[in-house]
């Protein structure tokens, strides 16, 4: 199943938000209500799942970054510049000795 990139990038945040909402709902209901423990448990699982997905994607991107950098530098060749010949006139003109004019 293909998801648009903005949706795909927000999935870990969605799981984390849903987990926070479930935990808040469980705390709101109070510990006298039996399902509040299930709400809190599901909220913790959902938050942990969102963090795990985020960390796995972060590690994968960090692993791919050096590989992509070396692949692009290996494919692109930098032209070697040849040293230009300097003539005697350009050397004489570039001297810093003051010229004496009569």
PDB file of N, CA and C in Angstrom:
ATOM      1  N   UNK A   1       0.846  -1.172   0.000  1.00  0.00           N
ATOM      2  CA  UNK A   1       0.000   0.000   0.000  1.00  0.00           C
ATOM      3  C   UNK A   1       0.888   1.230   0.000  1.00  0.00           C
ATOM      4  N   UNK A   2       0.648   2.124  -0.929  1.00  0.00           N
ATOM      5  CA  UNK A   2       1.429   3.333  -1.060  1.00  0.00           C
ATOM      6  C   UNK A   2       0.727   4.468  -0.329  1.00  0.00           C
ATOM      7  N   UNK A   3       1.489   5.191   0.479  1.00  0.00           N
ATOM      8  CA  UNK A   3       0.965   6.352   1.192  1.00  0.00           C
ATOM      9  C   UNK A   3       1.708   7.589   0.722  1.00  0.00           C
ATOM     10  N   UNK A   4       1.023   8.720   0.641  1.00  0.00           N
ATOM     11  CA  UNK A   4       1.744   9.950   0.303  1.00  0.00           C
ATOM     12  C   UNK A   4       2.813  10.244   1.351  1.00  0.00           C
ATOM     13  N   UNK A   5       3.890  10.901   0.925  1.00  0.00           N
ATOM     14  CA  UNK A   5       5.025  11.140   1.818  1.00  0.00           C
ATOM     15  C   UNK A   5       4.641  11.900   3.084  1.00  0.00           C
ATOM     16  N   UNK A   6       3.806  12.964   3.030  1.00  0.00           N
ATOM     17  CA  UNK A   6       3.448  13.642   4.283  1.00  0.00           C
ATOM     18  C   UNK A   6       2.727  12.729   5.275  1.00  0.00           C
ATOM     19  N   UNK A   7       1.894  11.836   4.773  1.00  0.00           N
ATOM     20  CA  UNK A   7       1.177  10.901   5.645  1.00  0.00           C
ATOM     21  C   UNK A   7       2.153   9.879   6.216  1.00  0.00           C
ATOM     22  N   UNK A   8       3.025   9.352   5.354  1.00  0.00           N
ATOM     23  CA  UNK A   8       3.992   8.349   5.782  1.00  0.00           C
ATOM     24  C   UNK A   8       4.934   8.897   6.854  1.00  0.00           C
ATOM     25  N   UNK A   9       5.347  10.136   6.708  1.00  0.00           N
ATOM     26  CA  UNK A   9       6.276  10.739   7.671  1.00  0.00           C
ATOM     27  C   UNK A   9       5.616  11.006   9.027  1.00  0.00           C
ATOM     28  N   UNK A  10       4.314  11.129   9.080  1.00  0.00           N
ATOM     29  CA  UNK A  10       3.614  11.461  10.326  1.00  0.00           C
ATOM     30  C   UNK A  10       3.078  10.250  11.080  1.00  0.00           C
ATOM     31  N   UNK A  11       3.261   9.058  10.567  1.00  0.00           N
ATOM     32  CA  UNK A  11       2.726   7.866  11.229  1.00  0.00           C
ATOM     33  C   UNK A  11       3.265   7.681  12.642  1.00  0.00           C
ATOM     34  N   UNK A  12       4.576   7.830  12.902  1.00  0.00           N
ATOM     35  CA  UNK A  12       5.032   7.675  14.294  1.00  0.00           C
ATOM     36  C   UNK A  12       4.414   8.705  15.240  1.00  0.00           C
ATOM     37  N   UNK A  13       4.249   9.920  14.756  1.00  0.00           N
ATOM     38  CA  UNK A  13       3.633  10.945  15.594  1.00  0.00           C
ATOM     39  C   UNK A  13       2.161  10.646  15.849  1.00  0.00           C
ATOM     40  N   UNK A  14       1.505  10.057  14.865  1.00  0.00           N
ATOM     41  CA  UNK A  14       0.105   9.683  15.041  1.00  0.00           C
ATOM     42  C   UNK A  14      -0.027   8.614  16.119  1.00  0.00           C
ATOM     43  N   UNK A  15       0.824   7.575  16.066  1.00  0.00           N
ATOM     44  CA  UNK A  15       0.776   6.531  17.093  1.00  0.00           C
ATOM     45  C   UNK A  15       1.049   7.102  18.479  1.00  0.00           C
ATOM     46  N   UNK A  16       2.022   8.004  18.568  1.00  0.00           N
ATOM     47  CA  UNK A  16       2.349   8.595  19.859  1.00  0.00           C
ATOM     48  C   UNK A  16       1.177   9.430  20.390  1.00  0.00           C
ATOM     49  N   UNK A  17       0.548  10.208  19.524  1.00  0.00           N
ATOM     50  CA  UNK A  17      -0.600  11.030  19.931  1.00  0.00           C
ATOM     51  C   UNK A  17      -1.778  10.159  20.365  1.00  0.00           C
ATOM     52  N   UNK A  18      -2.056   9.110  19.614  1.00  0.00           N
ATOM     53  CA  UNK A  18      -3.151   8.208  19.985  1.00  0.00           C
ATOM     54  C   UNK A  18      -2.866   7.569  21.339  1.00  0.00           C
ATOM     55  N   UNK A  19      -1.599   7.191  21.567  1.00  0.00           N
ATOM     56  CA  UNK A  19      -1.223   6.613  22.851  1.00  0.00           C
ATOM     57  C   UNK A  19      -1.426   7.596  23.991  1.00  0.00           C
ATOM     58  N   UNK A  20      -1.044   8.847  23.781  1.00  0.00           N
ATOM     59  CA  UNK A  20      -1.265   9.862  24.817  1.00  0.00           C
ATOM     60  C   UNK A  20      -2.747  10.068  25.101  1.00  0.00           C
ATOM     61  N   UNK A  21      -3.542  10.060  24.044  1.00  0.00           N
ATOM     62  CA  UNK A  21      -4.990  10.233  24.237  1.00  0.00           C
ATOM     63  C   UNK A  21      -5.599   9.052  24.998  1.00  0.00           C
ATOM     64  N   UNK A  22      -5.171   7.835  24.682  1.00  0.00           N
ATOM     65  CA  UNK A  22      -5.680   6.674  25.415  1.00  0.00           C
ATOM     66  C   UNK A  22      -5.274   6.730  26.885  1.00  0.00           C
ATOM     67  N   UNK A  23      -4.026   7.122  27.147  1.00  0.00           N
ATOM     68  CA  UNK A  23      -3.589   7.207  28.542  1.00  0.00           C
ATOM     69  C   UNK A  23      -4.345   8.305  29.283  1.00  0.00           C
ATOM     70  N   UNK A  24      -4.580   9.441  28.608  1.00  0.00           N
ATOM     71  CA  UNK A  24      -5.339  10.515  29.245  1.00  0.00           C
ATOM     72  C   UNK A  24      -6.771  10.071  29.528  1.00  0.00           C
ATOM     73  N   UNK A  25      -7.362   9.330  28.609  1.00  0.00           N
ATOM     74  CA  UNK A  25      -8.713   8.828  28.815  1.00  0.00           C
ATOM     75  C   UNK A  25      -8.764   7.834  29.976  1.00  0.00           C
ATOM     76  N   UNK A  26      -7.750   6.974  30.059  1.00  0.00           N
ATOM     77  CA  UNK A  26      -7.700   6.016  31.167  1.00  0.00           C
ATOM     78  C   UNK A  26      -7.555   6.712  32.512  1.00  0.00           C
ATOM     79  N   UNK A  27      -6.735   7.754  32.553  1.00  0.00           N
ATOM     80  CA  UNK A  27      -6.581   8.505  33.800  1.00  0.00           C
ATOM     81  C   UNK A  27      -7.841   9.312  34.136  1.00  0.00           C
ATOM     82  N   UNK A  28      -8.512   9.796  33.092  1.00  0.00           N
ATOM     83  CA  UNK A  28      -9.739  10.560  33.310  1.00  0.00           C
ATOM     84  C   UNK A  28     -10.840   9.675  33.913  1.00  0.00           C
ATOM     85  N   UNK A  29     -10.925   8.436  33.416  1.00  0.00           N
ATOM     86  CA  UNK A  29     -11.959   7.531  33.926  1.00  0.00           C
ATOM     87  C   UNK A  29     -11.695   7.120  35.369  1.00  0.00           C
ATOM     88  N   UNK A  30     -10.429   7.075  35.756  1.00  0.00           N
ATOM     89  CA  UNK A  30     -10.093   6.705  37.122  1.00  0.00           C
ATOM     90  C   UNK A  30      -9.828   5.223  37.238  1.00  0.00           C
ATOM     91  N   UNK A  31      -9.187   4.859  38.312  1.00  0.00           N
ATOM     92  CA  UNK A  31      -8.780   3.465  38.486  1.00  0.00           C
ATOM     93  C   UNK A  31      -9.916   2.589  39.016  1.00  0.00           C
ATOM     94  N   UNK A  32     -11.054   3.169  39.356  1.00  0.00           N
ATOM     95  CA  UNK A  32     -12.206   2.369  39.765  1.00  0.00           C
ATOM     96  C   UNK A  32     -12.862   1.690  38.563  1.00  0.00           C
ATOM     97  N   UNK A  33     -12.676   2.258  37.404  1.00  0.00           N
ATOM     98  CA  UNK A  33     -13.229   1.708  36.171  1.00  0.00           C
ATOM     99  C   UNK A  33     -12.237   0.685  35.624  1.00  0.00           C
ATOM    100  N   UNK A  34     -12.689  -0.536  35.381  1.00  0.00           N
ATOM    101  CA  UNK A  34     -11.805  -1.643  35.009  1.00  0.00           C
ATOM    102  C   UNK A  34     -11.116  -1.395  33.665  1.00  0.00           C
ATOM    103  N   UNK A  35     -11.835  -0.808  32.710  1.00  0.00           N
ATOM    104  CA  UNK A  35     -11.247  -0.605  31.385  1.00  0.00           C
ATOM    105  C   UNK A  35     -10.155   0.468  31.381  1.00  0.00           C
ATOM    106  N   UNK A  36     -10.038   1.265  32.430  1.00  0.00           N
ATOM    107  CA  UNK A  36      -9.004   2.307  32.448  1.00  0.00           C
ATOM    108  C   UNK A  36      -7.606   1.683  32.396  1.00  0.00           C
ATOM    109  N   UNK A  37      -7.433   0.496  32.989  1.00  0.00           N
ATOM    110  CA  UNK A  37      -6.138  -0.170  32.916  1.00  0.00           C
ATOM    111  C   UNK A  37      -5.822  -0.597  31.480  1.00  0.00           C
ATOM    112  N   UNK A  38      -6.840  -1.017  30.758  1.00  0.00           N
ATOM    113  CA  UNK A  38      -6.639  -1.380  29.355  1.00  0.00           C
ATOM    114  C   UNK A  38      -6.321  -0.151  28.517  1.00  0.00           C
ATOM    115  N   UNK A  39      -7.002   0.964  28.800  1.00  0.00           N
ATOM    116  CA  UNK A  39      -6.720   2.208  28.092  1.00  0.00           C
ATOM    117  C   UNK A  39      -5.270   2.639  28.319  1.00  0.00           C
ATOM    118  N   UNK A  40      -4.828   2.608  29.558  1.00  0.00           N
ATOM    119  CA  UNK A  40      -3.463   3.017  29.874  1.00  0.00           C
ATOM    120  C   UNK A  40      -2.455   2.052  29.251  1.00  0.00           C
ATOM    121  N   UNK A  41      -2.732   0.774  29.302  1.00  0.00           N
ATOM    122  CA  UNK A  41      -1.829  -0.215  28.702  1.00  0.00           C
ATOM    123  C   UNK A  41      -1.728  -0.050  27.200  1.00  0.00           C
ATOM    124  N   UNK A  42      -2.880   0.119  26.547  1.00  0.00           N
ATOM    125  CA  UNK A  42      -2.862   0.311  25.103  1.00  0.00           C
ATOM    126  C   UNK A  42      -2.169   1.622  24.743  1.00  0.00           C
ATOM    127  N   UNK A  43      -2.363   2.635  25.570  1.00  0.00           N
ATOM    128  CA  UNK A  43      -1.695   3.917  25.334  1.00  0.00           C
ATOM    129  C   UNK A  43      -0.186   3.804  25.437  1.00  0.00           C
ATOM    130  N   UNK A  44       0.292   3.062  26.430  1.00  0.00           N
ATOM    131  CA  UNK A  44       1.740   2.858  26.566  1.00  0.00           C
ATOM    132  C   UNK A  44       2.311   2.077  25.389  1.00  0.00           C
ATOM    133  N   UNK A  45       1.599   1.058  24.976  1.00  0.00           N
ATOM    134  CA  UNK A  45       2.051   0.259  23.834  1.00  0.00           C
ATOM    135  C   UNK A  45       2.087   1.113  22.570  1.00  0.00           C
ATOM    136  N   UNK A  46       1.070   1.916  22.380  1.00  0.00           N
ATOM    137  CA  UNK A  46       1.003   2.763  21.200  1.00  0.00           C
ATOM    138  C   UNK A  46       2.111   3.815  21.205  1.00  0.00           C
ATOM    139  N   UNK A  47       2.370   4.417  22.345  1.00  0.00           N
ATOM    140  CA  UNK A  47       3.457   5.408  22.447  1.00  0.00           C
ATOM    141  C   UNK A  47       4.807   4.759  22.168  1.00  0.00           C
ATOM    142  N   UNK A  48       5.029   3.593  22.751  1.00  0.00           N
ATOM    143  CA  UNK A  48       6.294   2.885  22.530  1.00  0.00           C
ATOM    144  C   UNK A  48       6.458   2.498  21.062  1.00  0.00           C
ATOM    145  N   UNK A  49       5.386   2.065  20.426  1.00  0.00           N
ATOM    146  CA  UNK A  49       5.434   1.683  19.023  1.00  0.00           C
ATOM    147  C   UNK A  49       5.778   2.886  18.146  1.00  0.00           C
ATOM    148  N   UNK A  50       5.202   4.039  18.440  1.00  0.00           N
ATOM    149  CA  UNK A  50       5.513   5.250  17.688  1.00  0.00           C
ATOM    150  C   UNK A  50       6.965   5.653  17.843  1.00  0.00           C
ATOM    151  N   UNK A  51       7.499   5.547  19.059  1.00  0.00           N
ATOM    152  CA  UNK A  51       8.904   5.893  19.290  1.00  0.00           C
ATOM    153  C   UNK A  51       9.822   4.899  18.589  1.00  0.00           C
ATOM    154  N   UNK A  52       9.481   3.616  18.607  1.00  0.00           N
ATOM    155  CA  UNK A  52      10.300   2.594  17.945  1.00  0.00           C
ATOM    156  C   UNK A  52      10.335   2.833  16.440  1.00  0.00           C
ATOM    157  N   UNK A  53       9.204   3.125  15.842  1.00  0.00           N
ATOM    158  CA  UNK A  53       9.166   3.399  14.399  1.00  0.00           C
ATOM    159  C   UNK A  53      10.016   4.626  14.077  1.00  0.00           C
ATOM    160  N   UNK A  54       9.891   5.668  14.892  1.00  0.00           N
ATOM    161  CA  UNK A  54      10.674   6.880  14.664  1.00  0.00           C
ATOM    162  C   UNK A  54      12.171   6.591  14.756  1.00  0.00           C
ATOM    163  N   UNK A  55      12.601   5.839  15.769  1.00  0.00           N
ATOM    164  CA  UNK A  55      14.020   5.535  15.943  1.00  0.00           C
ATOM    165  C   UNK A  55      14.543   4.641  14.816  1.00  0.00           C
ATOM    166  N   UNK A  56      13.742   3.684  14.360  1.00  0.00           N
ATOM    167  CA  UNK A  56      14.174   2.818  13.267  1.00  0.00           C
ATOM    168  C   UNK A  56      14.351   3.620  11.981  1.00  0.00           C
ATOM    169  N   UNK A  57      13.454   4.531  11.703  1.00  0.00           N
ATOM    170  CA  UNK A  57      13.586   5.370  10.512  1.00  0.00           C
ATOM    171  C   UNK A  57      14.795   6.292  10.622  1.00  0.00           C
ATOM    172  N   UNK A  58      15.028   6.831  11.802  1.00  0.00           N
ATOM    173  CA  UNK A  58      16.176   7.712  12.015  1.00  0.00           C
ATOM    174  C   UNK A  58      17.485   6.956  11.796  1.00  0.00           C
ATOM    175  N   UNK A  59      17.600   5.753  12.341  1.00  0.00           N
ATOM    176  CA  UNK A  59      18.803   4.943  12.151  1.00  0.00           C
ATOM    177  C   UNK A  59      18.993   4.564  10.693  1.00  0.00           C
ATOM    178  N   UNK A  60      17.909   4.245  10.010  1.00  0.00           N
ATOM    179  CA  UNK A  60      17.993   3.875   8.603  1.00  0.00           C
ATOM    180  C   UNK A  60      18.463   5.058   7.768  1.00  0.00           C
ATOM    181  N   UNK A  61      17.973   6.240   8.049  1.00  0.00           N
ATOM    182  CA  UNK A  61      18.397   7.431   7.303  1.00  0.00           C
ATOM    183  C   UNK A  61      19.855   7.767   7.584  1.00  0.00           C
ATOM    184  N   UNK A  62      20.312   7.574   8.810  1.00  0.00           N
ATOM    185  CA  UNK A  62      21.708   7.837   9.127  1.00  0.00           C
ATOM    186  C   UNK A  62      22.625   6.821   8.456  1.00  0.00           C
ATOM    187  N   UNK A  63      22.180   5.589   8.308  1.00  0.00           N
ATOM    188  CA  UNK A  63      22.966   4.580   7.615  1.00  0.00           C
ATOM    189  C   UNK A  63      23.022   4.858   6.120  1.00  0.00           C
ATOM    190  N   UNK A  64      21.947   5.335   5.549  1.00  0.00           N
ATOM    191  CA  UNK A  64      21.896   5.582   4.111  1.00  0.00           C
ATOM    192  C   UNK A  64      22.618   6.857   3.722  1.00  0.00           C
ATOM    193  N   UNK A  65      22.746   7.805   4.624  1.00  0.00           N
ATOM    194  CA  UNK A  65      23.364   9.087   4.296  1.00  0.00           C
ATOM    195  C   UNK A  65      24.814   8.928   3.867  1.00  0.00           C
ATOM    196  N   UNK A  66      25.693   8.220   4.605  1.00  0.00           N
ATOM    197  CA  UNK A  66      27.062   8.050   4.127  1.00  0.00           C
ATOM    198  C   UNK A  66      27.149   7.243   2.838  1.00  0.00           C
ATOM    199  N   UNK A  67      26.276   6.287   2.651  1.00  0.00           N
ATOM    200  CA  UNK A  67      26.282   5.483   1.432  1.00  0.00           C
ATOM    201  C   UNK A  67      25.930   6.355   0.242  1.00  0.00           C
ATOM    202  N   UNK A  68      24.952   7.219   0.374  1.00  0.00           N
ATOM    203  CA  UNK A  68      24.575   8.107  -0.720  1.00  0.00           C
ATOM    204  C   UNK A  68      25.674   9.115  -1.001  1.00  0.00           C
ATOM    205  N   UNK A  69      26.338   9.613   0.041  1.00  0.00           N
ATOM    206  CA  UNK A  69      27.398  10.595  -0.156  1.00  0.00           C
ATOM    207  C   UNK A  69      28.571   9.980  -0.903  1.00  0.00           C
ATOM    208  N   UNK A  70      28.955   8.759  -0.571  1.00  0.00           N
ATOM    209  CA  UNK A  70      30.059   8.118  -1.270  1.00  0.00           C
ATOM    210  C   UNK A  70      29.662   7.722  -2.685  1.00  0.00           C
ATOM    211  N   UNK A  71      28.405   7.367  -2.884  1.00  0.00           N
ATOM    212  CA  UNK A  71      27.950   6.997  -4.221  1.00  0.00           C
ATOM    213  C   UNK A  71      27.957   8.203  -5.144  1.00  0.00           C
ATOM    214  N   UNK A  72      27.572   9.352  -4.641  1.00  0.00           N
ATOM    215  CA  UNK A  72      27.546  10.537  -5.494  1.00  0.00           C
ATOM    216  C   UNK A  72      28.952  11.032  -5.776  1.00  0.00           C
ATOM    217  N   UNK A  73      29.876  10.926  -4.829  1.00  0.00           N
ATOM    218  CA  UNK A  73      31.243  11.365  -5.089  1.00  0.00           C
ATOM    219  C   UNK A  73      31.962  10.391  -6.003  1.00  0.00           C
ATOM    220  N   UNK A  74      31.623   9.120  -5.957  1.00  0.00           N
ATOM    221  CA  UNK A  74      32.254   8.143  -6.837  1.00  0.00           C
ATOM    222  C   UNK A  74      31.765   8.309  -8.269  1.00  0.00           C
ATOM    223  N   UNK A  75      30.530   8.711  -8.454  1.00  0.00           N
ATOM    224  CA  UNK A  75      29.968   8.857  -9.787  1.00  0.00           C
ATOM    225  C   UNK A  75      30.379  10.151 -10.453  1.00  0.00           C
ATOM    226  N   UNK A  76      30.628  11.174  -9.703  1.00  0.00           N
ATOM    227  CA  UNK A  76      30.982  12.463 -10.278  1.00  0.00           C
ATOM    228  C   UNK A  76      32.494  12.578 -10.282  1.00  0.00           C
ATOM    229  N   UNK A  77      33.024  12.902 -11.431  1.00  0.00           N
ATOM    230  CA  UNK A  77      34.468  13.084 -11.518  1.00  0.00           C
ATOM    231  C   UNK A  77      34.755  14.569 -11.531  1.00  0.00           C
ATOM    232  N   UNK A  78      35.709  14.974 -10.763  1.00  0.00           N
ATOM    233  CA  UNK A  78      36.086  16.381 -10.718  1.00  0.00           C
ATOM    234  C   UNK A  78      37.185  16.604 -11.727  1.00  0.00           C
ATOM    235  N   UNK A  79      37.020  17.593 -12.576  1.00  0.00           N
ATOM    236  CA  UNK A  79      38.059  17.842 -13.578  1.00  0.00           C
ATOM    237  C   UNK A  79      39.317  18.366 -12.906  1.00  0.00           C
ATOM    238  N   UNK A  80      40.445  17.894 -13.407  1.00  0.00           N
ATOM    239  CA  UNK A  80      41.726  18.330 -12.869  1.00  0.00           C
ATOM    240  C   UNK A  80      42.154  19.560 -13.643  1.00  0.00           C
ATOM    241  N   UNK A  81      42.421  20.621 -12.920  1.00  0.00           N
ATOM    242  CA  UNK A  81      42.842  21.852 -13.566  1.00  0.00           C
ATOM    243  C   UNK A  81      44.338  21.791 -13.832  1.00  0.00           C
ATOM    244  N   UNK A  82      44.700  22.180 -15.034  1.00  0.00           N
ATOM    245  CA  UNK A  82      46.101  22.187 -15.389  1.00  0.00           C
ATOM    246  C   UNK A  82      46.696  23.531 -15.007  1.00  0.00           C
ATOM    247  N   UNK A  83      47.923  23.499 -14.598  1.00  0.00           N
ATOM    248  CA  UNK A  83      48.599  24.742 -14.225  1.00  0.00           C
ATOM    249  C   UNK A  83      48.877  25.533 -15.497  1.00  0.00           C
ATOM    250  N   UNK A  84      48.557  26.797 -15.462  1.00  0.00           N
ATOM    251  CA  UNK A  84      48.772  27.641 -16.627  1.00  0.00           C
ATOM    252  C   UNK A  84      50.218  28.119 -16.626  1.00  0.00           C
ATOM    253  N   UNK A  85      50.765  28.201 -17.820  1.00  0.00           N
ATOM    254  CA  UNK A  85      52.148  28.668 -17.954  1.00  0.00           C
ATOM    255  C   UNK A  85      52.178  30.170 -17.717  1.00  0.00           C
ATOM    256  N   UNK A  86      53.114  30.608 -16.920  1.00  0.00           N
ATOM    257  CA  UNK A  86      53.271  32.044 -16.682  1.00  0.00           C
ATOM    258  C   UNK A  86      54.425  32.539 -17.517  1.00  0.00           C
ATOM    259  N   UNK A  87      54.171  33.557 -18.226  1.00  0.00           N
ATOM    260  CA  UNK A  87      55.229  34.112 -19.075  1.00  0.00           C
ATOM    261  C   UNK A  87      56.061  35.107 -18.285  1.00  0.00           C
ATOM    262  N   UNK A  88      57.170  35.445 -18.833  1.00  0.00           N
ATOM    263  CA  UNK A  88      58.070  36.393 -18.158  1.00  0.00           C
ATOM    264  C   UNK A  88      57.426  37.759 -18.024  1.00  0.00           C
ATOM    265  N   UNK A  89      56.574  38.132 -18.976  1.00  0.00           N
ATOM    266  CA  UNK A  89      55.950  39.455 -18.937  1.00  0.00           C
ATOM    267  C   UNK A  89      54.979  39.561 -17.754  1.00  0.00           C
ATOM    268  N   UNK A  90      54.201  38.511 -17.503  1.00  0.00           N
ATOM    269  CA  UNK A  90      53.261  38.568 -16.398  1.00  0.00           C
ATOM    270  C   UNK A  90      53.986  38.586 -15.067  1.00  0.00           C
ATOM    271  N   UNK A  91      55.132  37.937 -14.991  1.00  0.00           N
ATOM    272  CA  UNK A  91      55.914  37.964 -13.763  1.00  0.00           C
ATOM    273  C   UNK A  91      56.529  39.333 -13.562  1.00  0.00           C
ATOM    274  N   UNK A  92      57.012  39.921 -14.633  1.00  0.00           N
ATOM    275  CA  UNK A  92      57.636  41.237 -14.525  1.00  0.00           C
ATOM    276  C   UNK A  92      56.605  42.295 -14.165  1.00  0.00           C
ATOM    277  N   UNK A  93      55.396  42.165 -14.709  1.00  0.00           N
ATOM    278  CA  UNK A  93      54.357  43.159 -14.422  1.00  0.00           C
ATOM    279  C   UNK A  93      53.848  43.024 -13.000  1.00  0.00           C
ATOM    280  N   UNK A  94      53.906  41.840 -12.442  1.00  0.00           N
ATOM    281  CA  UNK A  94      53.329  41.632 -11.115  1.00  0.00           C
ATOM    282  C   UNK A  94      54.323  41.903  -9.995  1.00  0.00           C
ATOM    283  N   UNK A  95      55.531  42.349 -10.311  1.00  0.00           N
ATOM    284  CA  UNK A  95      56.506  42.626  -9.269  1.00  0.00           C
ATOM    285  C   UNK A  95      56.046  43.839  -8.459  1.00  0.00           C
ATOM    286  N   UNK A  96      56.425  43.879  -7.233  1.00  0.00           N
ATOM    287  CA  UNK A  96      55.983  44.941  -6.352  1.00  0.00           C
ATOM    288  C   UNK A  96      57.019  46.068  -6.213  1.00  0.00           C
ATOM    289  N   UNK A  97      58.013  46.076  -7.078  1.00  0.00           N
ATOM    290  CA  UNK A  97      59.008  47.127  -7.028  1.00  0.00           C
ATOM    291  C   UNK A  97      58.422  48.391  -7.633  1.00  0.00           C
ATOM    292  N   UNK A  98      58.647  49.511  -6.990  1.00  0.00           N
ATOM    293  CA  UNK A  98      58.124  50.755  -7.553  1.00  0.00           C
ATOM    294  C   UNK A  98      58.850  51.120  -8.838  1.00  0.00           C
ATOM    295  N   UNK A  99      58.092  51.577  -9.762  1.00  0.00           N
ATOM    296  CA  UNK A  99      58.696  51.978 -11.046  1.00  0.00           C
ATOM    297  C   UNK A  99      59.191  53.421 -10.927  1.00  0.00           C
ATOM    298  N   UNK A 100      60.339  53.668 -11.477  1.00  0.00           N
ATOM    299  CA  UNK A 100      60.935  54.998 -11.422  1.00  0.00           C
ATOM    300  C   UNK A 100      60.653  55.697 -12.733  1.00  0.00           C
ATOM    301  N   UNK A 101      59.989  56.792 -12.628  1.00  0.00           N
ATOM    302  CA  UNK A 101      59.674  57.566 -13.841  1.00  0.00           C
ATOM    303  C   UNK A 101      60.473  58.868 -13.791  1.00  0.00           C
ATOM    304  N   UNK A 102      61.145  59.276 -14.904  1.00  0.00           N
ATOM    305  CA  UNK A 102      61.931  60.518 -14.940  1.00  0.00           C
ATOM    306  C   UNK A 102      61.212  61.563 -15.676  1.00  0.00           C
TER     307      UNK A 102
END
